[in-house]
Amino acid sequence: QVQVVESGGGLVQAGESLRLSCTASGLIFGRYAMAWFRQAPGKEREGVSCITASGSTTGYADSVKGRFTISRDNAKNTLYLQMNNLEPDDTAIYYCAVGRYASRAATLSVADFGSWGQGTQVTVSS
């Protein structure tokens, strides 16, 4: 059974930074694409960033390009999201997700991910 646990959320002011972490167990971590999604109140869950199993290729939503950086450490079964220059519109619950199947491309589509964490709250004040 796959377990996914996020950490690192919090309350910050606009312009500040946060780093989210996600650990996944119950799978061969280095075989799966991973991604971060977020969901703000009253809005649909949206893809933020994704990364291939090897970490060689990443993708970002236009709204976070140049501010967020995704990375992974396969030896530690851990995914990261470095978020710089945070804006109030970044306020949301952030979810870590594991690709539905091994050895697939990384995408920002909810349907391509099969295991999810419980989420971590990020709040950015203006």
C-alpha atoms as a PDB file:
ATOM      1  CA  GLN A   1       0.000   0.000   0.000  1.00  0.00           C
ATOM      2  CA  VAL A   2       1.401   3.355  -1.039  1.00  0.00           C
ATOM      3  CA  GLN A   3       1.588   6.040   1.610  1.00  0.00           C
ATOM      4  CA  VAL A   4       2.281   9.677   0.801  1.00  0.00           C
ATOM      5  CA  VAL A   5       2.977  12.331   3.419  1.00  0.00           C
ATOM      6  CA  GLU A   6       3.546  16.034   2.802  1.00  0.00           C
ATOM      7  CA  SER A   7       5.133  18.544   5.162  1.00  0.00           C
ATOM      8  CA  GLY A   8       6.481  22.074   5.173  1.00  0.00           C
ATOM      9  CA  GLY A   9       3.405  24.221   4.727  1.00  0.00           C
ATOM     10  CA  GLY A  10       2.742  27.291   6.800  1.00  0.00           C
ATOM     11  CA  LEU A  11       1.812  30.956   6.954  1.00  0.00           C
ATOM     12  CA  VAL A  12       4.172  33.412   5.259  1.00  0.00           C
ATOM     13  CA  GLN A  13       4.072  36.938   3.916  1.00  0.00           C
ATOM     14  CA  ALA A  14       4.109  37.797   0.238  1.00  0.00           C
ATOM     15  CA  GLY A  15       7.622  37.628  -1.169  1.00  0.00           C
ATOM     16  CA  GLU A  16       8.816  34.992   1.281  1.00  0.00           C
ATOM     17  CA  SER A  17       9.739  31.372   0.607  1.00  0.00           C
ATOM     18  CA  LEU A  18       8.711  27.890   1.717  1.00  0.00           C
ATOM     19  CA  ARG A  19       9.959  24.415   0.900  1.00  0.00           C
ATOM     20  CA  LEU A  20       7.508  21.545   0.822  1.00  0.00           C
ATOM     21  CA  SER A  21       8.601  17.951   1.236  1.00  0.00           C
ATOM     22  CA  CYS A  22       6.843  14.706   0.410  1.00  0.00           C
ATOM     23  CA  THR A  23       7.855  11.199   1.339  1.00  0.00           C
ATOM     24  CA  ALA A  24       6.336   8.143  -0.309  1.00  0.00           C
ATOM     25  CA  SER A  25       6.564   4.551   0.872  1.00  0.00           C
ATOM     26  CA  GLY A  26       5.254   1.211  -0.312  1.00  0.00           C
ATOM     27  CA  LEU A  27       6.609   1.596  -3.829  1.00  0.00           C
ATOM     28  CA  ILE A  28       9.841   1.757  -5.783  1.00  0.00           C
ATOM     29  CA  PHE A  29       9.961   5.531  -5.632  1.00  0.00           C
ATOM     30  CA  GLY A  30      12.516   5.975  -8.384  1.00  0.00           C
ATOM     31  CA  ARG A  31      10.233   4.348 -10.961  1.00  0.00           C
ATOM     32  CA  TYR A  32       7.376   6.840 -10.737  1.00  0.00           C
ATOM     33  CA  ALA A  33       6.764  10.330 -11.983  1.00  0.00           C
ATOM     34  CA  MET A  34       5.671  12.673  -9.216  1.00  0.00           C
ATOM     35  CA  ALA A  35       3.832  15.948  -9.038  1.00  0.00           C
ATOM     36  CA  TRP A  36       2.543  18.717  -6.828  1.00  0.00           C
ATOM     37  CA  PHE A  37      -1.036  19.908  -7.095  1.00  0.00           C
ATOM     38  CA  ARG A  38      -2.908  22.561  -5.181  1.00  0.00           C
ATOM     39  CA  GLN A  39      -6.495  23.390  -4.403  1.00  0.00           C
ATOM     40  CA  ALA A  40      -7.765  26.737  -3.205  1.00  0.00           C
ATOM     41  CA  PRO A  41     -11.192  27.155  -1.575  1.00  0.00           C
ATOM     42  CA  GLY A  42     -13.952  27.006  -4.171  1.00  0.00           C
ATOM     43  CA  LYS A  43     -11.572  26.059  -6.974  1.00  0.00           C
ATOM     44  CA  GLU A  44     -10.659  22.842  -8.725  1.00  0.00           C
ATOM     45  CA  ARG A  45      -7.420  21.030  -7.995  1.00  0.00           C
ATOM     46  CA  GLU A  46      -4.718  22.227 -10.370  1.00  0.00           C
ATOM     47  CA  GLY A  47      -1.318  20.940 -11.328  1.00  0.00           C
ATOM     48  CA  VAL A  48       1.605  23.010 -10.080  1.00  0.00           C
ATOM     49  CA  SER A  49       4.707  21.060 -11.068  1.00  0.00           C
ATOM     50  CA  CYS A  50       5.756  17.583 -12.146  1.00  0.00           C
ATOM     51  CA  ILE A  51       8.957  15.607 -12.476  1.00  0.00           C
ATOM     52  CA  THR A  52       9.954  12.408 -14.236  1.00  0.00           C
ATOM     53  CA  ALA A  53      11.076   9.322 -12.330  1.00  0.00           C
ATOM     54  CA  SER A  54      14.753  10.078 -12.906  1.00  0.00           C
ATOM     55  CA  GLY A  55      14.337  13.777 -12.196  1.00  0.00           C
ATOM     56  CA  SER A  56      15.745  14.716 -15.577  1.00  0.00           C
ATOM     57  CA  THR A  57      12.620  16.497 -16.821  1.00  0.00           C
ATOM     58  CA  THR A  58      10.326  18.892 -15.005  1.00  0.00           C
ATOM     59  CA  GLY A  59       7.191  20.834 -15.842  1.00  0.00           C
ATOM     60  CA  TYR A  60       5.476  23.840 -14.322  1.00  0.00           C
ATOM     61  CA  ALA A  61       2.188  25.656 -14.481  1.00  0.00           C
ATOM     62  CA  ASP A  62       2.582  29.079 -16.066  1.00  0.00           C
ATOM     63  CA  SER A  63       1.545  30.752 -12.824  1.00  0.00           C
ATOM     64  CA  VAL A  64       4.581  29.414 -10.938  1.00  0.00           C
ATOM     65  CA  LYS A  65       7.292  29.322 -13.604  1.00  0.00           C
ATOM     66  CA  GLY A  66      10.412  31.090 -12.444  1.00  0.00           C
ATOM     67  CA  ARG A  67       9.306  31.036  -8.801  1.00  0.00           C
ATOM     68  CA  PHE A  68       8.883  27.344  -7.922  1.00  0.00           C
ATOM     69  CA  THR A  69      11.399  24.519  -8.345  1.00  0.00           C
ATOM     70  CA  ILE A  70      10.582  20.827  -8.088  1.00  0.00           C
ATOM     71  CA  SER A  71      13.230  18.240  -7.266  1.00  0.00           C
ATOM     72  CA  ARG A  72      13.515  14.739  -5.896  1.00  0.00           C
ATOM     73  CA  ASP A  73      15.953  12.548  -4.011  1.00  0.00           C
ATOM     74  CA  ASN A  74      15.272   8.964  -5.014  1.00  0.00           C
ATOM     75  CA  ALA A  75      17.669   7.621  -2.385  1.00  0.00           C
ATOM     76  CA  LYS A  76      15.470   9.224   0.287  1.00  0.00           C
ATOM     77  CA  ASN A  77      12.085   8.565  -1.378  1.00  0.00           C
ATOM     78  CA  THR A  78      11.464  12.291  -1.127  1.00  0.00           C
ATOM     79  CA  LEU A  79      10.004  14.959  -3.397  1.00  0.00           C
ATOM     80  CA  TYR A  80      10.493  18.677  -2.848  1.00  0.00           C
ATOM     81  CA  LEU A  81       8.916  21.922  -3.962  1.00  0.00           C
ATOM     82  CA  GLN A  82      10.916  25.077  -3.361  1.00  0.00           C
ATOM     83  CA  MET A  83       8.557  28.043  -3.521  1.00  0.00           C
ATOM     84  CA  ASN A  84      10.091  31.510  -3.754  1.00  0.00           C
ATOM     85  CA  ASN A  85       8.541  34.942  -4.045  1.00  0.00           C
ATOM     86  CA  LEU A  86       5.207  33.629  -2.842  1.00  0.00           C
ATOM     87  CA  GLU A  87       2.050  35.526  -3.720  1.00  0.00           C
ATOM     88  CA  PRO A  88      -1.385  35.603  -2.035  1.00  0.00           C
ATOM     89  CA  ASP A  89      -2.789  33.685  -5.017  1.00  0.00           C
ATOM     90  CA  ASP A  90      -0.520  30.772  -4.070  1.00  0.00           C
ATOM     91  CA  THR A  91      -2.651  30.203  -0.972  1.00  0.00           C
ATOM     92  CA  ALA A  92      -4.033  26.659  -1.163  1.00  0.00           C
ATOM     93  CA  ILE A  93      -3.725  23.143   0.149  1.00  0.00           C
ATOM     94  CA  TYR A  94      -0.779  21.542  -1.624  1.00  0.00           C
ATOM     95  CA  TYR A  95      -0.895  17.847  -2.471  1.00  0.00           C
ATOM     96  CA  CYS A  96       1.857  15.454  -3.461  1.00  0.00           C
ATOM     97  CA  ALA A  97       0.914  12.785  -5.989  1.00  0.00           C
ATOM     98  CA  VAL A  98       2.476   9.582  -7.300  1.00  0.00           C
ATOM     99  CA  GLY A  99       2.143   8.574 -10.934  1.00  0.00           C
ATOM    100  CA  ARG A 100      -0.572   6.011 -11.544  1.00  0.00           C
ATOM    101  CA  TYR A 101       1.801   3.718 -13.436  1.00  0.00           C
ATOM    102  CA  ALA A 102       5.565   3.235 -13.338  1.00  0.00           C
ATOM    103  CA  SER A 103       7.792   4.522 -16.118  1.00  0.00           C
ATOM    104  CA  ARG A 104       5.289   7.011 -17.509  1.00  0.00           C
ATOM    105  CA  ALA A 105       5.825  10.617 -18.515  1.00  0.00           C
ATOM    106  CA  ALA A 106       5.299  13.369 -15.999  1.00  0.00           C
ATOM    107  CA  THR A 107       2.164  15.440 -16.514  1.00  0.00           C
ATOM    108  CA  LEU A 108      -0.016  17.952 -14.679  1.00  0.00           C
ATOM    109  CA  SER A 109      -3.192  15.934 -15.164  1.00  0.00           C
ATOM    110  CA  VAL A 110      -4.985  14.730 -12.038  1.00  0.00           C
ATOM    111  CA  ALA A 111      -6.059  11.571 -13.884  1.00  0.00           C
ATOM    112  CA  ASP A 112      -2.442  10.445 -14.347  1.00  0.00           C
ATOM    113  CA  PHE A 113      -1.822  10.165 -10.593  1.00  0.00           C
ATOM    114  CA  GLY A 114      -3.050   7.366  -8.404  1.00  0.00           C
ATOM    115  CA  SER A 115      -1.814   7.983  -4.876  1.00  0.00           C
ATOM    116  CA  TRP A 116      -2.178  11.233  -2.971  1.00  0.00           C
ATOM    117  CA  GLY A 117      -1.121  12.687   0.318  1.00  0.00           C
ATOM    118  CA  GLN A 118      -3.428  14.405   2.774  1.00  0.00           C
ATOM    119  CA  GLY A 119      -2.159  17.846   1.792  1.00  0.00           C
ATOM    120  CA  THR A 120      -0.368  20.663   3.549  1.00  0.00           C
ATOM    121  CA  GLN A 121      -1.762  24.176   3.917  1.00  0.00           C
ATOM    122  CA  VAL A 122       0.140  27.107   2.447  1.00  0.00           C
ATOM    123  CA  THR A 123      -1.162  30.560   3.314  1.00  0.00           C
ATOM    124  CA  VAL A 124       0.404  33.722   1.909  1.00  0.00           C
ATOM    125  CA  SER A 125      -0.633  37.026   3.405  1.00  0.00           C
ATOM    126  CA  SER A 126      -0.370  40.317   1.534  1.00  0.00           C
END
